[in-house]
Amino acid sequence: MGSGNWASAIVTPWHNSSIFNETARVKPAIVQNRFYAQTGYDHDLRAFCRKHRILYQSFWTLTANPQILAHPTVQRLAARFRHTPAQVWFRYLTQLDIIPLTGTTSAAHMREDLSIFELELAPSESDAIDQLLR
């Protein structure tokens, strides 16, 4: 089972409650949310998901974050890896165990999306992108 558009205000009471762990008979396997600055990039929600072994999938990951894609940090990493800023952003997210939702009918675009696994961000590179989310 999956669910979407969760708000931290809904999840917060569950953090310190046994209701979710002991009462829920069917727990969600995945939460799908818009991933953007106005929600603090779902920091608390992602922590809740990790704690309860729920996958977190981001949507509107590119559209909602043009400032990240245009940031000099991401631009420099893209040039260094010879990938697009979107690919660097998606790889960063996958290294955080966030599953970016993408959609396309273009085979070339699908290959581009999957090629993010050809690169690996070093901890210092991930930390530099982390700073953009604060």
Protein backbone atom coordinates (compact mmCIF):
# COMPACT_ATOMS: atom_id res chain seq x y z
CA MET A 1 0.00 0.00 0.00
CA GLY A 2 1.18 3.52 -0.73
CA SER A 3 0.08 6.98 0.20
CA GLY A 4 0.82 10.49 -0.96
CA ASN A 5 0.80 14.13 0.04
CA TRP A 6 1.56 13.55 3.71
CA ALA A 7 2.19 16.61 5.83
CA SER A 8 4.62 16.66 8.75
CA ALA A 9 1.78 18.02 10.92
CA ILE A 10 -0.09 14.76 10.35
CA VAL A 11 2.92 12.56 10.99
CA THR A 12 4.37 14.37 14.02
CA PRO A 13 1.84 12.97 16.56
CA TRP A 14 2.73 9.46 15.39
CA HIS A 15 6.44 9.91 16.18
CA ASN A 16 5.94 9.34 19.91
CA SER A 17 2.92 7.11 19.66
CA SER A 18 2.47 3.37 19.58
CA ILE A 19 -0.69 3.80 17.49
CA PHE A 20 1.15 3.49 14.20
CA ASN A 21 3.29 0.52 15.26
CA GLU A 22 0.77 -1.43 17.29
CA THR A 23 -2.64 -0.54 15.87
CA ALA A 24 -2.17 -0.21 12.13
CA ARG A 25 -2.81 -3.58 10.54
CA VAL A 26 -1.64 -2.52 7.10
CA LYS A 27 1.10 0.05 7.04
CA PRO A 28 2.06 1.98 3.93
CA ALA A 29 5.09 0.67 2.07
CA ILE A 30 5.75 3.96 0.30
CA VAL A 31 4.94 7.63 0.76
CA GLN A 32 4.99 9.87 -2.29
CA ASN A 33 5.34 13.61 -1.67
CA ARG A 34 6.24 16.78 -3.47
CA PHE A 35 9.86 17.50 -2.53
CA TYR A 36 10.54 21.21 -2.20
CA ALA A 37 11.81 23.99 0.08
CA GLN A 38 8.40 25.14 1.37
CA THR A 39 7.99 21.85 3.26
CA GLY A 40 11.58 21.80 4.49
CA TYR A 41 12.19 19.01 2.00
CA ASP A 42 10.07 16.79 4.27
CA HIS A 43 12.93 16.39 6.75
CA ASP A 44 10.67 15.17 9.60
CA LEU A 45 8.52 13.05 7.33
CA ARG A 46 11.57 11.36 5.82
CA ALA A 47 12.85 10.61 9.34
CA PHE A 48 9.47 9.09 10.19
CA CYS A 49 9.59 6.99 7.03
CA ARG A 50 13.12 5.75 7.82
CA LYS A 51 12.09 4.87 11.38
CA HIS A 52 9.09 2.87 10.14
CA ARG A 53 10.78 1.36 7.09
CA ILE A 54 8.55 3.20 4.65
CA LEU A 55 10.02 4.18 1.30
CA TYR A 56 9.94 7.89 0.45
CA GLN A 57 9.38 8.87 -3.18
CA SER A 58 9.68 12.45 -4.33
CA PHE A 59 7.63 13.96 -7.13
CA TRP A 60 7.92 17.32 -8.89
CA THR A 61 11.52 16.88 -7.90
CA LEU A 62 12.87 18.90 -10.81
CA THR A 63 10.02 21.33 -11.40
CA ALA A 64 9.79 22.38 -7.74
CA ASN A 65 13.54 22.88 -7.36
CA PRO A 66 14.89 25.05 -10.19
CA GLN A 67 17.05 26.95 -7.68
CA ILE A 68 18.87 23.72 -6.81
CA LEU A 69 19.49 22.80 -10.44
CA ALA A 70 20.79 26.30 -11.21
CA HIS A 71 22.99 26.57 -8.10
CA PRO A 72 26.74 26.83 -8.83
CA THR A 73 27.45 23.83 -6.56
CA VAL A 74 25.23 21.53 -8.64
CA GLN A 75 26.42 23.11 -11.89
CA ARG A 76 30.09 22.45 -10.95
CA LEU A 77 29.36 18.84 -10.03
CA ALA A 78 27.46 18.34 -13.28
CA ALA A 79 30.42 19.66 -15.27
CA ARG A 80 32.85 17.52 -13.28
CA PHE A 81 30.84 14.33 -13.83
CA ARG A 82 29.81 15.26 -17.39
CA HIS A 83 26.18 14.77 -16.47
CA THR A 84 23.28 17.18 -16.31
CA PRO A 85 22.37 19.07 -13.13
CA ALA A 86 19.16 17.00 -13.01
CA GLN A 87 21.19 13.80 -13.03
CA VAL A 88 23.42 15.05 -10.20
CA TRP A 89 20.32 16.06 -8.20
CA PHE A 90 18.64 12.68 -8.77
CA ARG A 91 21.83 10.83 -7.81
CA TYR A 92 22.16 12.88 -4.64
CA LEU A 93 18.59 11.96 -3.74
CA THR A 94 19.05 8.26 -4.41
CA GLN A 95 22.12 8.28 -2.19
CA LEU A 96 19.77 9.58 0.55
CA ASP A 97 17.38 6.68 -0.16
CA ILE A 98 14.87 9.03 -1.78
CA ILE A 99 13.28 7.59 -4.90
CA PRO A 100 12.75 10.39 -7.42
CA LEU A 101 9.65 9.90 -9.54
CA THR A 102 10.26 10.67 -13.18
CA GLY A 103 8.12 10.31 -16.22
CA THR A 104 8.83 10.38 -19.90
CA THR A 105 7.91 8.74 -23.17
CA SER A 106 11.39 9.35 -24.55
CA ALA A 107 13.73 6.36 -24.58
CA ALA A 108 16.71 8.74 -24.57
CA HIS A 109 15.38 10.51 -21.48
CA MET A 110 14.81 7.16 -19.74
CA ARG A 111 18.43 6.18 -20.45
CA GLU A 112 19.57 9.57 -19.13
CA ASP A 113 17.56 9.08 -15.92
CA LEU A 114 19.00 5.61 -15.38
CA SER A 115 22.56 6.74 -16.04
CA ILE A 116 22.64 8.48 -12.66
CA PHE A 117 23.97 5.22 -11.26
CA GLU A 118 27.14 5.69 -13.32
CA LEU A 119 28.26 8.33 -10.84
CA GLU A 120 28.75 8.33 -7.11
CA LEU A 121 28.89 11.50 -5.05
CA ALA A 122 31.60 11.61 -2.42
CA PRO A 123 30.50 12.50 1.12
CA SER A 124 31.91 16.01 0.72
CA GLU A 125 29.94 16.47 -2.51
CA SER A 126 26.73 15.25 -0.88
CA ASP A 127 27.41 17.55 2.07
CA ALA A 128 27.75 20.50 -0.32
CA ILE A 129 24.31 19.74 -1.75
CA ASP A 130 22.94 19.17 1.77
CA GLN A 131 23.79 22.79 2.52
CA LEU A 132 21.43 23.89 -0.26
CA LEU A 133 18.52 22.23 1.55
CA ARG A 134 18.95 24.27 4.75
